Amino acid sequence: MKDHSGAAPVTEGIGPWGMNLAGIGAALPDQVLTNDDLTEKIETSDEWIRERTGIGERRIGGTTSGLSLEAARKAIAAAGIDASEIDQVILATTSPDYRLPGTAPAVAHELGLQCGAFDLQAACSGWVYGLVVANGLLGQGMKKILVIGAETLDKMTDYSDRGTGILFGNGAGAAIVERTDLGQDPNGGQLLSWDLGSNGEFVRILYAEHGDTMLMDGKEVFRQAVTVIRHSAQVALDRAGLTVDDIDLIIPHQANIRIVEAAWKKLGFSLDKTAMVLERTGNTSAASIPLALDNALENGRIKSGDTVMFIGFGAGMTWATAIFKWGTNAS
């Protein structure tokens, strides 16, 4: 059992630290819900949904803990480590298995761990929040942290509602975040900058009461999302001393293709430099960015030394941008 209970930070001998995403894993439930399936419940069509959202299908079924475990085990295998090396589990989710307790301790237990484990609720921004938190813990002496984004949004989605039922699905993505010593390995990965924010004024543009399904003001969500994406991305670029042209790949929250297109037009980003899996996953909230990251790696879209931008935005309203230098020993 790892003992981090009240101990002083183990920082002796730690120089300037960085972080590698040493292993990535993803999981999707087997059950597919296509746009054509939805036409049996909603007056709509495949063409109408694709044109307005970019979504062709989404996955339903499974549990948040089960999908988390599948993604985590794949990430652990990809990193080539033993699960016992993990110092902390951070699970970003807005759809935990229970109201109480959190889902992260159950996931840690199934992995054979008794380290710290907690849920992080920042909706669709959650996985990026988790990366930033993990970076801080690495600076306090931890070496390997499991950061998961997992959702089972079908439990809070009314698939007969034309406004929300076409959007949401289930899935999970995970990363082994590993500390690097930049003094010894200047080519190690590094979180170059980040921007985290929220505006509770907009809580009720997308929300779900306990035991109820999601309600959304689609037009206001669109307007606010485009605004905060533009602001947060620019803040992170400025903090890193970079421009749009310095970014090799952008991995945004997969919410709606029209939101991405509108924000990119204002920022000067190109869809050609954007990783998207929205068409086959739908909006998977905190799982969407690691799912898109896994797909980008699988397709060889990231190489050593690349500068990658993660952008999350969603209910709360929360937003999060992180600019990451891909290390030589990353996944």
C-alpha atoms as a PDB file:
ATOM      1  CA  MET A   1       0.000   0.000   0.000  1.00  0.00           C
ATOM      2  CA  LYS A   2       1.361   3.418  -0.959  1.00  0.00           C
ATOM      3  CA  ASP A   3       1.391   5.851   1.964  1.00  0.00           C
ATOM      4  CA  HIS A   4       0.594   9.430   0.984  1.00  0.00           C
ATOM      5  CA  SER A   5      -1.497  10.095   4.094  1.00  0.00           C
ATOM      6  CA  GLY A   6      -0.348  13.418   5.443  1.00  0.00           C
ATOM      7  CA  ALA A   7       3.287  12.843   4.534  1.00  0.00           C
ATOM      8  CA  ALA A   8       5.397  15.821   3.527  1.00  0.00           C
ATOM      9  CA  PRO A   9       5.764  16.186  -0.243  1.00  0.00           C
ATOM     10  CA  VAL A  10       8.558  14.020  -1.579  1.00  0.00           C
ATOM     11  CA  THR A  11      10.285  16.740  -3.571  1.00  0.00           C
ATOM     12  CA  GLU A  12      13.953  16.228  -2.667  1.00  0.00           C
ATOM     13  CA  GLY A  13      16.050  15.773  -5.779  1.00  0.00           C
ATOM     14  CA  ILE A  14      13.242  16.802  -8.147  1.00  0.00           C
ATOM     15  CA  GLY A  15      14.400  19.307 -10.708  1.00  0.00           C
ATOM     16  CA  PRO A  16      12.157  21.042 -13.183  1.00  0.00           C
ATOM     17  CA  TRP A  17       9.595  18.359 -13.986  1.00  0.00           C
ATOM     18  CA  GLY A  18       7.634  17.512 -17.080  1.00  0.00           C
ATOM     19  CA  MET A  19       5.121  14.831 -17.896  1.00  0.00           C
ATOM     20  CA  ASN A  20       4.719  12.189 -20.542  1.00  0.00           C
ATOM     21  CA  LEU A  21       1.453  10.610 -21.543  1.00  0.00           C
ATOM     22  CA  ALA A  22       3.128   7.217 -21.361  1.00  0.00           C
ATOM     23  CA  GLY A  23       0.116   5.107 -22.319  1.00  0.00           C
ATOM     24  CA  ILE A  24      -3.353   5.797 -23.706  1.00  0.00           C
ATOM     25  CA  GLY A  25      -6.396   3.519 -23.731  1.00  0.00           C
ATOM     26  CA  ALA A  26     -10.011   3.801 -24.863  1.00  0.00           C
ATOM     27  CA  ALA A  27     -13.252   1.888 -24.426  1.00  0.00           C
ATOM     28  CA  LEU A  28     -16.674   2.037 -26.054  1.00  0.00           C
ATOM     29  CA  PRO A  29     -19.744  -0.074 -25.241  1.00  0.00           C
ATOM     30  CA  ASP A  30     -20.773  -2.652 -27.833  1.00  0.00           C
ATOM     31  CA  GLN A  31     -24.307  -1.341 -28.351  1.00  0.00           C
ATOM     32  CA  VAL A  32     -24.562   1.171 -31.195  1.00  0.00           C
ATOM     33  CA  LEU A  33     -27.400   3.703 -31.427  1.00  0.00           C
ATOM     34  CA  THR A  34     -27.500   5.096 -34.961  1.00  0.00           C
ATOM     35  CA  ASN A  35     -29.283   8.143 -36.283  1.00  0.00           C
ATOM     36  CA  ASP A  36     -31.657   5.819 -38.098  1.00  0.00           C
ATOM     37  CA  ASP A  37     -32.472   4.136 -34.774  1.00  0.00           C
ATOM     38  CA  LEU A  38     -33.415   7.533 -33.347  1.00  0.00           C
ATOM     39  CA  THR A  39     -35.923   8.175 -36.142  1.00  0.00           C
ATOM     40  CA  GLU A  40     -38.131   5.569 -34.441  1.00  0.00           C
ATOM     41  CA  LYS A  41     -38.325   7.832 -31.357  1.00  0.00           C
ATOM     42  CA  ILE A  42     -37.890  11.353 -32.753  1.00  0.00           C
ATOM     43  CA  GLU A  43     -39.175  13.137 -35.847  1.00  0.00           C
ATOM     44  CA  THR A  44     -35.777  13.499 -37.485  1.00  0.00           C
ATOM     45  CA  SER A  45     -33.462  11.958 -40.088  1.00  0.00           C
ATOM     46  CA  ASP A  46     -29.877  10.844 -40.419  1.00  0.00           C
ATOM     47  CA  GLU A  47     -29.204  13.740 -42.795  1.00  0.00           C
ATOM     48  CA  TRP A  48     -30.699  16.329 -40.399  1.00  0.00           C
ATOM     49  CA  ILE A  49     -28.627  15.088 -37.433  1.00  0.00           C
ATOM     50  CA  ARG A  50     -25.379  14.863 -39.398  1.00  0.00           C
ATOM     51  CA  GLU A  51     -25.812  18.335 -40.878  1.00  0.00           C
ATOM     52  CA  ARG A  52     -26.420  19.975 -37.498  1.00  0.00           C
ATOM     53  CA  THR A  53     -24.088  17.974 -35.271  1.00  0.00           C
ATOM     54  CA  GLY A  54     -21.649  15.876 -37.323  1.00  0.00           C
ATOM     55  CA  ILE A  55     -22.825  12.757 -35.458  1.00  0.00           C
ATOM     56  CA  GLY A  56     -23.689   9.491 -37.190  1.00  0.00           C
ATOM     57  CA  GLU A  57     -23.887   7.149 -34.216  1.00  0.00           C
ATOM     58  CA  ARG A  58     -23.214   6.910 -30.508  1.00  0.00           C
ATOM     59  CA  ARG A  59     -22.711   4.031 -28.053  1.00  0.00           C
ATOM     60  CA  ILE A  60     -24.960   3.138 -25.130  1.00  0.00           C
ATOM     61  CA  GLY A  61     -24.812   0.611 -22.292  1.00  0.00           C
ATOM     62  CA  GLY A  62     -22.076  -0.413 -19.900  1.00  0.00           C
ATOM     63  CA  THR A  63     -21.142   1.225 -16.600  1.00  0.00           C
ATOM     64  CA  THR A  64     -18.814   4.090 -15.835  1.00  0.00           C
ATOM     65  CA  SER A  65     -16.591   1.845 -13.699  1.00  0.00           C
ATOM     66  CA  GLY A  66     -16.559  -0.929 -16.294  1.00  0.00           C
ATOM     67  CA  LEU A  67     -15.623   1.384 -19.171  1.00  0.00           C
ATOM     68  CA  SER A  68     -13.041   3.101 -16.943  1.00  0.00           C
ATOM     69  CA  LEU A  69     -11.408  -0.236 -16.148  1.00  0.00           C
ATOM     70  CA  GLU A  70     -11.243  -1.289 -19.786  1.00  0.00           C
ATOM     71  CA  ALA A  71      -9.646   1.995 -20.841  1.00  0.00           C
ATOM     72  CA  ALA A  72      -7.301   1.999 -17.824  1.00  0.00           C
ATOM     73  CA  ARG A  73      -6.043  -1.523 -18.465  1.00  0.00           C
ATOM     74  CA  LYS A  74      -5.304  -0.642 -22.077  1.00  0.00           C
ATOM     75  CA  ALA A  75      -3.431   2.487 -20.973  1.00  0.00           C
ATOM     76  CA  ILE A  76      -1.407   0.511 -18.415  1.00  0.00           C
ATOM     77  CA  ALA A  77      -0.496  -2.070 -21.063  1.00  0.00           C
ATOM     78  CA  ALA A  78       0.444   0.651 -23.564  1.00  0.00           C
ATOM     79  CA  ALA A  79       2.697   2.306 -20.964  1.00  0.00           C
ATOM     80  CA  GLY A  80       4.388  -1.036 -20.244  1.00  0.00           C
ATOM     81  CA  ILE A  81       4.037  -0.627 -16.473  1.00  0.00           C
ATOM     82  CA  ASP A  82       2.571  -2.633 -13.632  1.00  0.00           C
ATOM     83  CA  ALA A  83      -0.609  -1.218 -12.120  1.00  0.00           C
ATOM     84  CA  SER A  84       1.096  -1.216  -8.712  1.00  0.00           C
ATOM     85  CA  GLU A  85       3.304   1.665  -9.897  1.00  0.00           C
ATOM     86  CA  ILE A  86       0.327   4.054 -10.036  1.00  0.00           C
ATOM     87  CA  ASP A  87       0.357   6.685  -7.272  1.00  0.00           C
ATOM     88  CA  GLN A  88      -3.061   8.274  -7.856  1.00  0.00           C
ATOM     89  CA  VAL A  89      -6.293   7.709  -9.786  1.00  0.00           C
ATOM     90  CA  ILE A  90      -8.249  10.707 -11.073  1.00  0.00           C
ATOM     91  CA  LEU A  91     -11.579   9.899 -12.721  1.00  0.00           C
ATOM     92  CA  ALA A  92     -13.294  12.740 -14.571  1.00  0.00           C
ATOM     93  CA  THR A  93     -16.988  11.953 -14.908  1.00  0.00           C
ATOM     94  CA  THR A  94     -20.392  13.562 -14.723  1.00  0.00           C
ATOM     95  CA  SER A  95     -22.148  10.172 -14.616  1.00  0.00           C
ATOM     96  CA  PRO A  96     -20.706   8.149 -11.698  1.00  0.00           C
ATOM     97  CA  ASP A  97     -22.101   4.732 -10.889  1.00  0.00           C
ATOM     98  CA  TYR A  98     -23.543   6.031  -7.587  1.00  0.00           C
ATOM     99  CA  ARG A  99     -24.416   9.372  -6.034  1.00  0.00           C
ATOM    100  CA  LEU A 100     -22.259   8.120  -3.174  1.00  0.00           C
ATOM    101  CA  PRO A 101     -19.465   6.995  -3.145  1.00  0.00           C
ATOM    102  CA  GLY A 102     -17.321   8.146  -6.046  1.00  0.00           C
ATOM    103  CA  THR A 103     -16.498   5.676  -8.810  1.00  0.00           C
ATOM    104  CA  ALA A 104     -12.705   6.135  -8.722  1.00  0.00           C
ATOM    105  CA  PRO A 105     -12.110   4.069  -5.539  1.00  0.00           C
ATOM    106  CA  ALA A 106     -13.945   1.088  -7.084  1.00  0.00           C
ATOM    107  CA  VAL A 107     -11.834   1.382 -10.230  1.00  0.00           C
ATOM    108  CA  ALA A 108      -8.653   1.570  -8.149  1.00  0.00           C
ATOM    109  CA  HIS A 109      -9.736  -1.515  -6.191  1.00  0.00           C
ATOM    110  CA  GLU A 110     -10.339  -3.549  -9.349  1.00  0.00           C
ATOM    111  CA  LEU A 111      -6.845  -2.582 -10.498  1.00  0.00           C
ATOM    112  CA  GLY A 112      -5.462  -3.861  -7.191  1.00  0.00           C
ATOM    113  CA  LEU A 113      -4.649  -0.378  -5.880  1.00  0.00           C
ATOM    114  CA  GLN A 114      -5.100   1.341  -2.527  1.00  0.00           C
ATOM    115  CA  CYS A 115      -3.622   4.669  -3.556  1.00  0.00           C
ATOM    116  CA  GLY A 116      -5.576   7.917  -3.580  1.00  0.00           C
ATOM    117  CA  ALA A 117      -8.562   7.887  -5.910  1.00  0.00           C
ATOM    118  CA  PHE A 118     -11.204  10.543  -6.495  1.00  0.00           C
ATOM    119  CA  ASP A 119     -13.863  11.636  -8.967  1.00  0.00           C
ATOM    120  CA  LEU A 120     -13.516  15.029 -10.647  1.00  0.00           C
ATOM    121  CA  GLN A 121     -16.737  16.680 -11.839  1.00  0.00           C
ATOM    122  CA  ALA A 122     -16.130  19.418 -14.389  1.00  0.00           C
ATOM    123  CA  ALA A 123     -18.438  17.940 -17.042  1.00  0.00           C
ATOM    124  CA  CYS A 124     -16.988  18.027 -20.557  1.00  0.00           C
ATOM    125  CA  SER A 125     -13.848  19.864 -19.388  1.00  0.00           C
ATOM    126  CA  GLY A 126     -13.088  17.240 -16.754  1.00  0.00           C
ATOM    127  CA  TRP A 127     -10.288  15.268 -18.392  1.00  0.00           C
ATOM    128  CA  VAL A 128      -8.266  18.413 -19.114  1.00  0.00           C
ATOM    129  CA  TYR A 129      -8.824  19.557 -15.524  1.00  0.00           C
ATOM    130  CA  GLY A 130      -7.482  16.146 -14.512  1.00  0.00           C
ATOM    131  CA  LEU A 131      -4.302  16.615 -16.557  1.00  0.00           C
ATOM    132  CA  VAL A 132      -3.592  19.941 -14.867  1.00  0.00           C
ATOM    133  CA  VAL A 133      -4.220  18.480 -11.406  1.00  0.00           C
ATOM    134  CA  ALA A 134      -1.957  15.525 -12.244  1.00  0.00           C
ATOM    135  CA  ASN A 135       0.810  17.890 -13.325  1.00  0.00           C
ATOM    136  CA  GLY A 136       0.702  19.544  -9.908  1.00  0.00           C
ATOM    137  CA  LEU A 137       0.827  16.199  -8.100  1.00  0.00           C
ATOM    138  CA  LEU A 138       3.856  15.165 -10.145  1.00  0.00           C
ATOM    139  CA  GLY A 139       5.566  18.305  -8.922  1.00  0.00           C
ATOM    140  CA  GLN A 140       4.897  17.134  -5.349  1.00  0.00           C
ATOM    141  CA  GLY A 141       6.726  13.860  -5.888  1.00  0.00           C
ATOM    142  CA  MET A 142       4.291  11.444  -7.483  1.00  0.00           C
ATOM    143  CA  LYS A 143       5.644   9.501 -10.453  1.00  0.00           C
ATOM    144  CA  LYS A 144       2.707   7.915 -12.265  1.00  0.00           C
ATOM    145  CA  ILE A 145      -0.935   9.011 -12.240  1.00  0.00           C
ATOM    146  CA  LEU A 146      -3.898   7.418 -13.994  1.00  0.00           C
ATOM    147  CA  VAL A 147      -6.211  10.070 -15.454  1.00  0.00           C
ATOM    148  CA  ILE A 148      -9.506   8.742 -16.806  1.00  0.00           C
ATOM    149  CA  GLY A 149     -12.460  10.376 -18.508  1.00  0.00           C
ATOM    150  CA  ALA A 150     -15.522   8.120 -18.514  1.00  0.00           C
ATOM    151  CA  GLU A 151     -19.243   8.601 -19.045  1.00  0.00           C
ATOM    152  CA  THR A 152     -22.474   6.641 -19.258  1.00  0.00           C
ATOM    153  CA  LEU A 153     -24.661   9.504 -20.356  1.00  0.00           C
ATOM    154  CA  ASP A 154     -27.479   7.256 -21.544  1.00  0.00           C
ATOM    155  CA  LYS A 155     -28.651   7.106 -17.907  1.00  0.00           C
ATOM    156  CA  MET A 156     -29.436  10.851 -18.015  1.00  0.00           C
ATOM    157  CA  THR A 157     -30.385  11.272 -21.683  1.00  0.00           C
ATOM    158  CA  ASP A 158     -33.948  11.285 -22.994  1.00  0.00           C
ATOM    159  CA  TYR A 159     -33.532   9.751 -26.440  1.00  0.00           C
ATOM    160  CA  SER A 160     -37.039  10.901 -27.384  1.00  0.00           C
ATOM    161  CA  ASP A 161     -35.986  14.538 -26.904  1.00  0.00           C
ATOM    162  CA  ARG A 162     -34.942  16.059 -30.228  1.00  0.00           C
ATOM    163  CA  GLY A 163     -32.699  18.626 -28.546  1.00  0.00           C
ATOM    164  CA  THR A 164     -30.520  16.300 -26.447  1.00  0.00           C
ATOM    165  CA  GLY A 165     -31.262  12.736 -27.545  1.00  0.00           C
ATOM    166  CA  ILE A 166     -29.327  13.092 -30.800  1.00  0.00           C
ATOM    167  CA  LEU A 167     -26.133  14.189 -29.039  1.00  0.00           C
ATOM    168  CA  PHE A 168     -24.999  12.042 -26.138  1.00  0.00           C
ATOM    169  CA  GLY A 169     -23.355   8.646 -25.765  1.00  0.00           C
ATOM    170  CA  ASN A 170     -21.080   6.545 -23.562  1.00  0.00           C
ATOM    171  CA  GLY A 171     -17.353   5.849 -23.560  1.00  0.00           C
ATOM    172  CA  ALA A 172     -14.068   6.144 -21.700  1.00  0.00           C
ATOM    173  CA  GLY A 173     -10.473   7.163 -22.300  1.00  0.00           C
ATOM    174  CA  ALA A 174      -7.459   6.930 -19.989  1.00  0.00           C
ATOM    175  CA  ALA A 175      -3.844   8.056 -19.809  1.00  0.00           C
ATOM    176  CA  ILE A 176      -0.861   7.115 -17.680  1.00  0.00           C
ATOM    177  CA  VAL A 177       0.686  10.469 -16.813  1.00  0.00           C
ATOM    178  CA  GLU A 178       4.322   9.963 -15.908  1.00  0.00           C
ATOM    179  CA  ARG A 179       6.780  12.466 -14.418  1.00  0.00           C
ATOM    180  CA  THR A 180       9.897  13.310 -16.363  1.00  0.00           C
ATOM    181  CA  ASP A 181      12.978  15.158 -15.126  1.00  0.00           C
ATOM    182  CA  LEU A 182      13.563  17.924 -17.646  1.00  0.00           C
ATOM    183  CA  GLY A 183      17.042  18.473 -16.243  1.00  0.00           C
ATOM    184  CA  GLN A 184      18.041  14.975 -17.306  1.00  0.00           C
ATOM    185  CA  ASP A 185      15.704  14.631 -20.279  1.00  0.00           C
ATOM    186  CA  PRO A 186      15.090  17.999 -21.955  1.00  0.00           C
ATOM    187  CA  ASN A 187      13.092  16.204 -24.658  1.00  0.00           C
ATOM    188  CA  GLY A 188      10.575  14.846 -22.166  1.00  0.00           C
ATOM    189  CA  GLY A 189       6.953  15.825 -22.404  1.00  0.00           C
ATOM    190  CA  GLN A 190       5.820  19.019 -20.750  1.00  0.00           C
ATOM    191  CA  LEU A 191       2.626  20.884 -19.986  1.00  0.00           C
ATOM    192  CA  LEU A 192       3.563  24.244 -21.510  1.00  0.00           C
ATOM    193  CA  SER A 193       0.511  26.196 -20.362  1.00  0.00           C
ATOM    194  CA  TRP A 194      -3.103  25.851 -19.327  1.00  0.00           C
ATOM    195  CA  ASP A 195      -6.239  27.840 -18.694  1.00  0.00           C
ATOM    196  CA  LEU A 196      -9.051  26.662 -16.417  1.00  0.00           C
ATOM    197  CA  GLY A 197     -12.238  28.612 -15.915  1.00  0.00           C
ATOM    198  CA  SER A 198     -15.935  28.585 -15.076  1.00  0.00           C
ATOM    199  CA  ASN A 199     -18.972  30.838 -15.094  1.00  0.00           C
ATOM    200  CA  GLY A 200     -21.789  29.627 -12.848  1.00  0.00           C
ATOM    201  CA  GLU A 201     -24.145  32.192 -14.336  1.00  0.00           C
ATOM    202  CA  PHE A 202     -24.772  29.611 -17.070  1.00  0.00           C
ATOM    203  CA  VAL A 203     -25.443  26.565 -14.869  1.00  0.00           C
ATOM    204  CA  ARG A 204     -28.952  26.120 -16.223  1.00  0.00           C
ATOM    205  CA  ILE A 205     -28.205  26.205 -19.932  1.00  0.00           C
ATOM    206  CA  LEU A 206     -27.249  22.514 -19.599  1.00  0.00           C
ATOM    207  CA  TYR A 207     -28.107  20.605 -16.428  1.00  0.00           C
ATOM    208  CA  ALA A 208     -29.849  17.569 -14.935  1.00  0.00           C
ATOM    209  CA  GLU A 209     -31.637  17.402 -11.609  1.00  0.00           C
ATOM    210  CA  HIS A 210     -31.020  14.335  -9.393  1.00  0.00           C
ATOM    211  CA  GLY A 211     -32.821  11.392 -10.956  1.00  0.00           C
ATOM    212  CA  ASP A 212     -33.843  13.339 -14.061  1.00  0.00           C
ATOM    213  CA  THR A 213     -32.603  13.655 -17.644  1.00  0.00           C
ATOM    214  CA  MET A 214     -30.599  16.496 -19.144  1.00  0.00           C
ATOM    215  CA  LEU A 215     -32.201  19.767 -20.162  1.00  0.00           C
ATOM    216  CA  MET A 216     -30.414  22.110 -22.563  1.00  0.00           C
ATOM    217  CA  ASP A 217     -30.800  25.544 -24.086  1.00  0.00           C
ATOM    218  CA  GLY A 218     -29.059  24.624 -27.321  1.00  0.00           C
ATOM    219  CA  LYS A 219     -28.720  28.115 -28.770  1.00  0.00           C
ATOM    220  CA  GLU A 220     -27.181  29.530 -25.593  1.00  0.00           C
ATOM    221  CA  VAL A 221     -24.842  26.559 -25.193  1.00  0.00           C
ATOM    222  CA  PHE A 222     -23.631  27.138 -28.751  1.00  0.00           C
ATOM    223  CA  ARG A 223     -23.107  30.858 -28.208  1.00  0.00           C
ATOM    224  CA  GLN A 224     -21.291  30.501 -24.893  1.00  0.00           C
ATOM    225  CA  ALA A 225     -19.169  27.549 -26.051  1.00  0.00           C
ATOM    226  CA  VAL A 226     -17.807  29.432 -29.057  1.00  0.00           C
ATOM    227  CA  THR A 227     -17.041  32.444 -26.855  1.00  0.00           C
ATOM    228  CA  VAL A 228     -15.166  30.529 -24.140  1.00  0.00           C
ATOM    229  CA  ILE A 229     -13.254  28.325 -26.595  1.00  0.00           C
ATOM    230  CA  ARG A 230     -11.924  31.387 -28.354  1.00  0.00           C
ATOM    231  CA  HIS A 231     -10.977  33.069 -25.074  1.00  0.00           C
ATOM    232  CA  SER A 232      -9.423  30.045 -23.368  1.00  0.00           C
ATOM    233  CA  ALA A 233      -7.386  28.923 -26.365  1.00  0.00           C
ATOM    234  CA  GLN A 234      -5.945  32.410 -26.794  1.00  0.00           C
ATOM    235  CA  VAL A 235      -5.089  32.701 -23.083  1.00  0.00           C
ATOM    236  CA  ALA A 236      -3.219  29.385 -23.197  1.00  0.00           C
ATOM    237  CA  LEU A 237      -1.384  30.359 -26.380  1.00  0.00           C
ATOM    238  CA  ASP A 238      -0.323  33.676 -24.867  1.00  0.00           C
ATOM    239  CA  ARG A 239       0.887  32.015 -21.656  1.00  0.00           C
ATOM    240  CA  ALA A 240       2.983  29.559 -23.668  1.00  0.00           C
ATOM    241  CA  GLY A 241       4.332  32.298 -25.929  1.00  0.00           C
ATOM    242  CA  LEU A 242       2.946  30.487 -28.980  1.00  0.00           C
ATOM    243  CA  THR A 243       0.761  31.268 -31.965  1.00  0.00           C
ATOM    244  CA  VAL A 244      -1.849  29.241 -33.812  1.00  0.00           C
ATOM    245  CA  ASP A 245       0.801  28.182 -36.328  1.00  0.00           C
ATOM    246  CA  ASP A 246       2.885  26.559 -33.563  1.00  0.00           C
ATOM    247  CA  ILE A 247       0.170  24.006 -32.756  1.00  0.00           C
ATOM    248  CA  ASP A 248       0.593  20.686 -34.577  1.00  0.00           C
ATOM    249  CA  LEU A 249      -2.692  19.093 -33.504  1.00  0.00           C
ATOM    250  CA  ILE A 250      -5.812  20.322 -31.707  1.00  0.00           C
ATOM    251  CA  ILE A 251      -7.947  17.824 -29.782  1.00  0.00           C
ATOM    252  CA  PRO A 252     -11.201  19.495 -28.737  1.00  0.00           C
ATOM    253  CA  HIS A 253     -14.162  18.241 -26.757  1.00  0.00           C
ATOM    254  CA  GLN A 254     -16.338  16.404 -29.263  1.00  0.00           C
ATOM    255  CA  ALA A 255     -19.635  18.184 -28.692  1.00  0.00           C
ATOM    256  CA  ASN A 256     -20.950  19.398 -32.019  1.00  0.00           C
ATOM    257  CA  ILE A 257     -19.119  19.955 -35.308  1.00  0.00           C
ATOM    258  CA  ARG A 258     -20.785  23.350 -35.763  1.00  0.00           C
ATOM    259  CA  ILE A 259     -19.396  24.616 -32.448  1.00  0.00           C
ATOM    260  CA  VAL A 260     -15.886  23.545 -33.442  1.00  0.00           C
ATOM    261  CA  GLU A 261     -16.180  25.056 -36.919  1.00  0.00           C
ATOM    262  CA  ALA A 262     -17.459  28.389 -35.580  1.00  0.00           C
ATOM    263  CA  ALA A 263     -14.749  28.633 -32.905  1.00  0.00           C
ATOM    264  CA  TRP A 264     -11.990  27.586 -35.309  1.00  0.00           C
ATOM    265  CA  LYS A 265     -13.042  30.266 -37.793  1.00  0.00           C
ATOM    266  CA  LYS A 266     -12.569  32.936 -35.129  1.00  0.00           C
ATOM    267  CA  LEU A 267      -9.234  31.494 -33.928  1.00  0.00           C
ATOM    268  CA  GLY A 268      -7.763  30.723 -37.329  1.00  0.00           C
ATOM    269  CA  PHE A 269      -7.438  26.997 -36.618  1.00  0.00           C
ATOM    270  CA  SER A 270      -7.738  24.410 -39.389  1.00  0.00           C
ATOM    271  CA  LEU A 271      -9.966  21.339 -39.236  1.00  0.00           C
ATOM    272  CA  ASP A 272      -7.129  19.506 -41.022  1.00  0.00           C
ATOM    273  CA  LYS A 273      -5.092  19.870 -37.798  1.00  0.00           C
ATOM    274  CA  THR A 274      -7.989  18.738 -35.594  1.00  0.00           C
ATOM    275  CA  ALA A 275      -8.590  15.243 -34.199  1.00  0.00           C
ATOM    276  CA  MET A 276     -12.277  14.309 -34.353  1.00  0.00           C
ATOM    277  CA  VAL A 277     -14.159  11.105 -33.507  1.00  0.00           C
ATOM    278  CA  LEU A 278     -17.547  12.777 -33.053  1.00  0.00           C
ATOM    279  CA  GLU A 279     -19.133  11.043 -36.034  1.00  0.00           C
ATOM    280  CA  ARG A 280     -18.980   7.607 -34.404  1.00  0.00           C
ATOM    281  CA  THR A 281     -19.086   8.443 -30.681  1.00  0.00           C
ATOM    282  CA  GLY A 282     -21.404  11.407 -30.247  1.00  0.00           C
ATOM    283  CA  ASN A 283     -20.831  13.719 -27.303  1.00  0.00           C
ATOM    284  CA  THR A 284     -19.190  11.635 -24.552  1.00  0.00           C
ATOM    285  CA  SER A 285     -18.473  14.588 -22.230  1.00  0.00           C
ATOM    286  CA  ALA A 286     -15.309  13.973 -20.150  1.00  0.00           C
ATOM    287  CA  ALA A 287     -14.425  10.901 -22.249  1.00  0.00           C
ATOM    288  CA  SER A 288     -14.391  12.684 -25.591  1.00  0.00           C
ATOM    289  CA  ILE A 289     -10.888  14.199 -25.568  1.00  0.00           C
ATOM    290  CA  PRO A 290      -9.029  11.034 -24.505  1.00  0.00           C
ATOM    291  CA  LEU A 291     -11.099   9.041 -27.025  1.00  0.00           C
ATOM    292  CA  ALA A 292      -9.993  11.432 -29.778  1.00  0.00           C
ATOM    293  CA  LEU A 293      -6.405  11.328 -28.488  1.00  0.00           C
ATOM    294  CA  ASP A 294      -6.374   7.529 -28.647  1.00  0.00           C
ATOM    295  CA  ASN A 295      -7.660   7.660 -32.221  1.00  0.00           C
ATOM    296  CA  ALA A 296      -5.068  10.267 -33.220  1.00  0.00           C
ATOM    297  CA  LEU A 297      -2.238   8.101 -31.883  1.00  0.00           C
ATOM    298  CA  GLU A 298      -3.637   5.021 -33.584  1.00  0.00           C
ATOM    299  CA  ASN A 299      -3.586   6.892 -36.886  1.00  0.00           C
ATOM    300  CA  GLY A 300      -0.048   8.255 -36.429  1.00  0.00           C
ATOM    301  CA  ARG A 301      -1.098  11.873 -36.133  1.00  0.00           C
ATOM    302  CA  ILE A 302       1.229  12.694 -33.208  1.00  0.00           C
ATOM    303  CA  LYS A 303       5.020  12.408 -33.198  1.00  0.00           C
ATOM    304  CA  SER A 304       7.788  13.223 -30.748  1.00  0.00           C
ATOM    305  CA  GLY A 305       8.213  16.956 -30.212  1.00  0.00           C
ATOM    306  CA  ASP A 306       4.744  17.891 -31.472  1.00  0.00           C
ATOM    307  CA  THR A 307       2.772  20.597 -29.707  1.00  0.00           C
ATOM    308  CA  VAL A 308      -0.763  19.426 -28.933  1.00  0.00           C
ATOM    309  CA  MET A 309      -3.643  21.544 -27.662  1.00  0.00           C
ATOM    310  CA  PHE A 310      -6.508  20.028 -25.653  1.00  0.00           C
ATOM    311  CA  ILE A 311      -9.680  22.131 -25.361  1.00  0.00           C
ATOM    312  CA  GLY A 312     -12.631  21.183 -23.149  1.00  0.00           C
ATOM    313  CA  PHE A 313     -15.859  23.126 -22.653  1.00  0.00           C
ATOM    314  CA  GLY A 314     -19.241  22.262 -21.256  1.00  0.00           C
ATOM    315  CA  ALA A 315     -21.824  22.326 -18.504  1.00  0.00           C
ATOM    316  CA  GLY A 316     -21.138  24.387 -15.444  1.00  0.00           C
ATOM    317  CA  MET A 317     -20.226  26.360 -17.466  1.00  0.00           C
ATOM    318  CA  THR A 318     -16.616  25.134 -17.370  1.00  0.00           C
ATOM    319  CA  TRP A 319     -13.749  25.341 -19.807  1.00  0.00           C
ATOM    320  CA  ALA A 320     -10.173  24.131 -19.907  1.00  0.00           C
ATOM    321  CA  THR A 321      -7.290  24.390 -22.356  1.00  0.00           C
ATOM    322  CA  ALA A 322      -3.914  22.696 -22.025  1.00  0.00           C
ATOM    323  CA  ILE A 323      -0.967  22.980 -24.404  1.00  0.00           C
ATOM    324  CA  PHE A 324       1.298  19.964 -24.249  1.00  0.00           C
ATOM    325  CA  LYS A 325       4.697  19.183 -25.753  1.00  0.00           C
ATOM    326  CA  TRP A 326       4.753  15.533 -26.764  1.00  0.00           C
ATOM    327  CA  GLY A 327       7.787  13.803 -25.273  1.00  0.00           C
ATOM    328  CA  THR A 328      10.215  11.292 -26.774  1.00  0.00           C
ATOM    329  CA  ASN A 329       9.072   8.508 -24.439  1.00  0.00           C
ATOM    330  CA  ALA A 330       5.350   9.190 -24.680  1.00  0.00           C
ATOM    331  CA  SER A 331       2.800   6.668 -25.951  1.00  0.00           C
END
